[in-house]
Each structure stands twice: as structure tokens, then as C-alpha cells.
N, C-alpha and C. Protein backbone atom coordinates (compact mmCIF):
# COMPACT_ATOMS: atom_id res chain seq x y z
N MET A 1 27.16 6.35 14.89
CA MET A 1 25.85 5.89 14.43
C MET A 1 24.74 6.46 15.31
N ARG A 2 25.06 6.60 16.60
CA ARG A 2 24.02 7.14 17.47
C ARG A 2 23.68 8.57 17.09
N VAL A 3 24.70 9.36 16.78
CA VAL A 3 24.46 10.75 16.40
C VAL A 3 23.67 10.82 15.10
N ALA A 4 24.01 9.98 14.13
CA ALA A 4 23.26 9.95 12.88
C ALA A 4 21.81 9.55 13.13
N GLY A 5 21.59 8.62 14.05
CA GLY A 5 20.24 8.22 14.40
C GLY A 5 19.46 9.36 15.03
N ILE A 6 20.12 10.13 15.88
CA ILE A 6 19.46 11.28 16.52
C ILE A 6 19.12 12.34 15.48
N VAL A 7 20.04 12.59 14.55
CA VAL A 7 19.80 13.58 13.50
C VAL A 7 18.64 13.12 12.61
N ALA A 8 18.64 11.86 12.20
CA ALA A 8 17.55 11.35 11.36
C ALA A 8 16.21 11.42 12.10
N THR A 9 16.22 11.10 13.39
CA THR A 9 15.00 11.20 14.18
C THR A 9 14.50 12.64 14.24
N ALA A 10 15.42 13.59 14.40
CA ALA A 10 15.04 15.00 14.44
C ALA A 10 14.44 15.44 13.10
N VAL A 11 15.01 14.97 12.01
CA VAL A 11 14.47 15.31 10.68
C VAL A 11 13.05 14.75 10.55
N GLY A 12 12.86 13.51 10.96
CA GLY A 12 11.53 12.91 10.92
C GLY A 12 10.53 13.67 11.77
N ASP A 13 10.97 14.09 12.94
CA ASP A 13 10.09 14.86 13.82
C ASP A 13 9.70 16.19 13.19
N GLU A 14 10.66 16.85 12.56
CA GLU A 14 10.35 18.12 11.89
C GLU A 14 9.33 17.93 10.77
N LEU A 15 9.47 16.84 10.02
CA LEU A 15 8.50 16.56 8.96
C LEU A 15 7.10 16.37 9.54
N VAL A 16 7.02 15.65 10.63
CA VAL A 16 5.71 15.37 11.24
C VAL A 16 5.13 16.61 11.90
N ILE A 17 5.97 17.44 12.47
CA ILE A 17 5.47 18.69 13.05
C ILE A 17 4.85 19.57 11.97
N ALA A 18 5.48 19.59 10.80
CA ALA A 18 4.95 20.41 9.70
C ALA A 18 3.70 19.81 9.07
N HIS A 19 3.64 18.45 9.00
CA HIS A 19 2.51 17.78 8.35
C HIS A 19 2.10 16.54 9.16
N PRO A 20 1.38 16.72 10.28
CA PRO A 20 1.06 15.59 11.15
C PRO A 20 0.01 14.64 10.60
N LEU A 21 -0.85 15.12 9.72
CA LEU A 21 -1.94 14.29 9.20
C LEU A 21 -1.80 14.13 7.70
N GLY A 22 -2.52 13.18 7.16
CA GLY A 22 -2.49 12.96 5.72
C GLY A 22 -1.70 11.71 5.37
N HIS A 23 -1.22 11.69 4.13
CA HIS A 23 -0.49 10.54 3.61
C HIS A 23 0.95 10.55 4.12
N THR A 24 1.49 9.36 4.40
CA THR A 24 2.88 9.24 4.85
C THR A 24 3.73 8.67 3.72
N PRO A 25 4.56 9.49 3.09
CA PRO A 25 5.42 8.99 2.01
C PRO A 25 6.44 7.97 2.53
N ARG A 26 6.88 7.09 1.64
CA ARG A 26 7.85 6.05 2.03
C ARG A 26 9.14 6.64 2.56
N ALA A 27 9.60 7.71 1.97
CA ALA A 27 10.83 8.35 2.45
C ALA A 27 10.67 8.84 3.88
N TRP A 28 9.50 9.34 4.21
CA TRP A 28 9.25 9.79 5.57
C TRP A 28 9.28 8.62 6.54
N VAL A 29 8.67 7.51 6.15
CA VAL A 29 8.68 6.32 7.01
C VAL A 29 10.11 5.85 7.24
N ALA A 30 10.92 5.91 6.18
CA ALA A 30 12.32 5.51 6.31
C ALA A 30 13.05 6.38 7.31
N VAL A 31 12.77 7.67 7.30
CA VAL A 31 13.44 8.58 8.24
C VAL A 31 12.85 8.45 9.64
N ILE A 32 11.53 8.39 9.73
CA ILE A 32 10.86 8.36 11.04
C ILE A 32 11.20 7.08 11.80
N LEU A 33 11.20 5.93 11.12
CA LEU A 33 11.51 4.67 11.79
C LEU A 33 13.00 4.32 11.69
N GLY A 34 13.64 4.77 10.62
CA GLY A 34 15.07 4.46 10.44
C GLY A 34 15.96 5.20 11.41
N GLY A 35 15.59 6.41 11.80
CA GLY A 35 16.39 7.16 12.78
C GLY A 35 16.49 6.43 14.11
N PRO A 36 15.37 6.04 14.70
CA PRO A 36 15.45 5.27 15.94
C PRO A 36 16.15 3.92 15.77
N ALA A 37 15.97 3.27 14.62
CA ALA A 37 16.66 1.99 14.38
C ALA A 37 18.17 2.20 14.31
N LEU A 38 18.59 3.26 13.65
CA LEU A 38 20.02 3.57 13.58
C LEU A 38 20.58 3.90 14.96
N PHE A 39 19.80 4.63 15.76
CA PHE A 39 20.22 4.93 17.13
C PHE A 39 20.39 3.64 17.93
N LEU A 40 19.42 2.74 17.84
CA LEU A 40 19.51 1.48 18.58
C LEU A 40 20.71 0.65 18.12
N ALA A 41 20.99 0.65 16.83
CA ALA A 41 22.15 -0.09 16.31
C ALA A 41 23.45 0.52 16.84
N GLY A 42 23.52 1.84 16.86
CA GLY A 42 24.71 2.50 17.41
C GLY A 42 24.88 2.24 18.88
N ARG A 43 23.79 2.25 19.61
CA ARG A 43 23.84 1.97 21.05
C ARG A 43 24.26 0.52 21.30
N ALA A 44 23.80 -0.40 20.49
CA ALA A 44 24.19 -1.80 20.62
C ALA A 44 25.68 -1.97 20.36
N ALA A 45 26.19 -1.29 19.33
CA ALA A 45 27.62 -1.37 19.03
C ALA A 45 28.45 -0.78 20.17
N PHE A 46 27.99 0.33 20.73
CA PHE A 46 28.67 0.94 21.87
C PHE A 46 28.67 0.00 23.07
N GLU A 47 27.53 -0.59 23.35
CA GLU A 47 27.42 -1.52 24.47
C GLU A 47 28.35 -2.72 24.29
N TYR A 48 28.46 -3.20 23.07
CA TYR A 48 29.35 -4.33 22.80
C TYR A 48 30.81 -3.92 22.98
N ALA A 49 31.16 -2.72 22.54
CA ALA A 49 32.53 -2.25 22.66
C ALA A 49 32.93 -2.01 24.11
N VAL A 50 32.00 -1.53 24.93
CA VAL A 50 32.34 -1.19 26.31
C VAL A 50 32.16 -2.38 27.25
N PHE A 51 31.07 -3.12 27.11
CA PHE A 51 30.75 -4.18 28.06
C PHE A 51 30.94 -5.59 27.50
N ALA A 52 31.32 -5.71 26.25
CA ALA A 52 31.55 -7.01 25.61
C ALA A 52 30.31 -7.90 25.66
N ARG A 53 29.13 -7.29 25.51
CA ARG A 53 27.88 -8.05 25.47
C ARG A 53 26.90 -7.30 24.59
N LEU A 54 25.88 -8.03 24.17
CA LEU A 54 24.84 -7.44 23.35
C LEU A 54 23.49 -7.72 24.00
N SER A 55 22.81 -6.68 24.40
CA SER A 55 21.50 -6.81 25.00
C SER A 55 20.49 -7.22 23.92
N ARG A 56 19.58 -8.12 24.26
CA ARG A 56 18.55 -8.57 23.31
C ARG A 56 17.58 -7.47 22.95
N ASP A 57 17.41 -6.50 23.84
CA ASP A 57 16.38 -5.48 23.67
C ASP A 57 16.60 -4.63 22.41
N ARG A 58 17.83 -4.30 22.11
CA ARG A 58 18.09 -3.43 20.98
C ARG A 58 17.82 -4.10 19.63
N PRO A 59 18.34 -5.30 19.37
CA PRO A 59 17.98 -5.95 18.10
C PRO A 59 16.48 -6.21 17.97
N ILE A 60 15.83 -6.56 19.07
CA ILE A 60 14.38 -6.75 19.02
C ILE A 60 13.69 -5.44 18.67
N GLY A 61 14.14 -4.34 19.25
CA GLY A 61 13.57 -3.02 18.93
C GLY A 61 13.75 -2.68 17.46
N ILE A 62 14.92 -3.00 16.91
CA ILE A 62 15.17 -2.74 15.48
C ILE A 62 14.21 -3.57 14.63
N LEU A 63 14.04 -4.84 14.98
CA LEU A 63 13.13 -5.69 14.22
C LEU A 63 11.68 -5.21 14.31
N VAL A 64 11.28 -4.74 15.48
CA VAL A 64 9.92 -4.22 15.64
C VAL A 64 9.73 -2.97 14.78
N LEU A 65 10.75 -2.10 14.77
CA LEU A 65 10.65 -0.90 13.93
C LEU A 65 10.53 -1.28 12.45
N LEU A 66 11.29 -2.28 12.02
CA LEU A 66 11.18 -2.74 10.63
C LEU A 66 9.80 -3.33 10.34
N ALA A 67 9.27 -4.07 11.30
CA ALA A 67 7.95 -4.68 11.11
C ALA A 67 6.85 -3.62 11.08
N LEU A 68 7.07 -2.50 11.72
CA LEU A 68 6.05 -1.44 11.73
C LEU A 68 6.00 -0.64 10.43
N ALA A 69 7.02 -0.76 9.60
CA ALA A 69 7.07 0.06 8.39
C ALA A 69 5.86 -0.13 7.47
N PRO A 70 5.47 -1.36 7.12
CA PRO A 70 4.31 -1.49 6.22
C PRO A 70 3.00 -0.93 6.79
N PRO A 71 2.64 -1.23 8.06
CA PRO A 71 1.39 -0.66 8.56
C PRO A 71 1.41 0.86 8.68
N VAL A 72 2.58 1.41 8.97
CA VAL A 72 2.69 2.86 9.16
C VAL A 72 2.50 3.60 7.84
N LEU A 73 2.78 2.94 6.72
CA LEU A 73 2.56 3.57 5.43
C LEU A 73 1.09 3.92 5.21
N LEU A 74 0.21 3.18 5.86
CA LEU A 74 -1.23 3.41 5.70
C LEU A 74 -1.79 4.39 6.73
N ALA A 75 -0.97 4.81 7.68
CA ALA A 75 -1.41 5.69 8.76
C ALA A 75 -0.83 7.09 8.54
N PRO A 76 -1.36 8.08 9.26
CA PRO A 76 -0.79 9.43 9.16
C PRO A 76 0.61 9.48 9.79
N PRO A 77 1.41 10.47 9.42
CA PRO A 77 2.77 10.58 9.95
C PRO A 77 2.82 10.61 11.48
N LEU A 78 1.84 11.22 12.10
CA LEU A 78 1.82 11.28 13.56
C LEU A 78 1.78 9.88 14.18
N ALA A 79 1.06 8.97 13.55
CA ALA A 79 1.00 7.59 14.05
C ALA A 79 2.37 6.91 13.94
N ALA A 80 3.13 7.24 12.91
CA ALA A 80 4.46 6.67 12.75
C ALA A 80 5.38 7.11 13.89
N VAL A 81 5.29 8.38 14.25
CA VAL A 81 6.13 8.89 15.34
C VAL A 81 5.70 8.28 16.67
N VAL A 82 4.41 8.14 16.87
CA VAL A 82 3.92 7.51 18.10
C VAL A 82 4.40 6.06 18.19
N ALA A 83 4.37 5.34 17.07
CA ALA A 83 4.83 3.95 17.06
C ALA A 83 6.32 3.86 17.37
N ALA A 84 7.13 4.73 16.76
CA ALA A 84 8.57 4.73 17.02
C ALA A 84 8.85 5.08 18.48
N THR A 85 8.12 6.03 19.02
CA THR A 85 8.29 6.41 20.42
C THR A 85 7.92 5.25 21.34
N ALA A 86 6.87 4.53 21.02
CA ALA A 86 6.47 3.38 21.84
C ALA A 86 7.54 2.30 21.84
N VAL A 87 8.16 2.06 20.69
CA VAL A 87 9.24 1.05 20.63
C VAL A 87 10.42 1.49 21.48
N LEU A 88 10.84 2.75 21.34
CA LEU A 88 11.96 3.24 22.14
C LEU A 88 11.64 3.23 23.64
N LEU A 89 10.41 3.55 23.98
CA LEU A 89 9.99 3.48 25.37
C LEU A 89 10.06 2.05 25.89
N GLY A 90 9.64 1.10 25.07
CA GLY A 90 9.71 -0.31 25.45
C GLY A 90 11.15 -0.76 25.69
N VAL A 91 12.07 -0.33 24.85
CA VAL A 91 13.48 -0.68 25.04
C VAL A 91 14.01 -0.04 26.31
N ALA A 92 13.64 1.21 26.57
CA ALA A 92 14.09 1.89 27.77
C ALA A 92 13.56 1.22 29.04
N VAL A 93 12.30 0.82 29.02
CA VAL A 93 11.71 0.14 30.18
C VAL A 93 12.40 -1.21 30.40
N ALA A 94 12.65 -1.95 29.33
CA ALA A 94 13.33 -3.23 29.46
C ALA A 94 14.74 -3.05 30.03
N ASP A 95 15.44 -2.00 29.59
CA ASP A 95 16.77 -1.71 30.14
C ASP A 95 16.71 -1.36 31.62
N THR A 96 15.70 -0.59 32.00
CA THR A 96 15.55 -0.19 33.40
C THR A 96 15.27 -1.40 34.28
N VAL A 97 14.39 -2.28 33.82
CA VAL A 97 14.07 -3.49 34.58
C VAL A 97 15.32 -4.35 34.74
N ARG A 98 16.08 -4.53 33.65
CA ARG A 98 17.30 -5.33 33.72
C ARG A 98 18.32 -4.69 34.65
N ALA A 99 18.45 -3.38 34.64
CA ALA A 99 19.42 -2.69 35.49
C ALA A 99 19.05 -2.82 36.97
N HIS A 100 17.76 -2.86 37.28
CA HIS A 100 17.34 -2.99 38.68
C HIS A 100 17.49 -4.42 39.19
N ARG A 101 17.50 -5.39 38.28
CA ARG A 101 17.64 -6.79 38.69
C ARG A 101 19.08 -7.18 38.97
N SER A 102 20.01 -6.58 38.27
CA SER A 102 21.41 -6.99 38.41
C SER A 102 22.26 -5.82 38.87
N PRO A 103 23.38 -6.12 39.55
CA PRO A 103 24.25 -5.03 40.00
C PRO A 103 24.96 -4.38 38.82
N PRO A 104 25.43 -3.14 39.02
CA PRO A 104 26.16 -2.49 37.93
C PRO A 104 27.40 -3.30 37.53
N GLU A 105 27.67 -3.33 36.26
CA GLU A 105 28.80 -4.10 35.80
C GLU A 105 29.94 -3.18 35.38
N PRO A 106 31.18 -3.60 35.65
CA PRO A 106 32.31 -2.78 35.24
C PRO A 106 32.55 -2.93 33.74
N PRO A 107 33.11 -1.93 33.11
CA PRO A 107 33.43 -2.04 31.68
C PRO A 107 34.44 -3.15 31.44
N SER A 108 34.25 -3.86 30.35
CA SER A 108 35.22 -4.89 29.96
C SER A 108 35.32 -4.86 28.44
N PRO A 109 36.11 -3.91 27.92
CA PRO A 109 36.17 -3.71 26.47
C PRO A 109 36.62 -4.94 25.71
N THR A 110 36.11 -5.07 24.52
CA THR A 110 36.54 -6.17 23.66
C THR A 110 37.85 -5.80 23.00
N GLY A 111 38.53 -6.81 22.54
CA GLY A 111 39.66 -6.55 21.71
C GLY A 111 40.97 -6.66 22.29
């Protein structure tokens, strides 16, 4: 899922590079915001499989990306990419803060 998320994000980025301004079609919003959401879902599944836990940051990031879809339809494609990048940056910062607060944890696979 993470690889599919990366591929979808790359497709969205290519669309925005070609047409950064103007109207944002619904399909573009699905790719631009859906790629990062798919990546976060894949990362959450990986984290659960390896560490037997689910970080709150990833589901919250997915929900924020879903909530951004309606407003982004009214903005240019470049704004959609900036919004998706801001959400991913927020998840990364939250992960970094959590990692600095607690010691590294050993893997404990489920199953």
C-alpha cells in the first residue's frame, strides 16, 4: 500500500507540475490527496505488523486529508499539493516528537 501511495502521489505531482493553476478536477483531488492517504494507511498497517501498535497520527492524517477534499476542489491544484504536504509534514513532526520523548522500541510482531 505504501508503494501504491507513493505512485499515486507522484502521478498527482506530475499533474500539478503540468497544470499548477486553474480548476482542480475531482479525479485530480482524489489522486493528489488519496496518494498520501494511501501511504499513511500502508505505513499504519506496517507499524501495526512490526510493533503491534497503531499511532494516532496516521489515522488523524488520513481524516484531515479527507476533510480537505471539499475545500481543495475550489482551489487551484497547487493549493491541493501544498495542503497534502502540510498534512504529511504534520504527521512527520508528530512522529519525531514522539520518538524523542520515548526510547526506541524493539519489534514485537503480531500474530
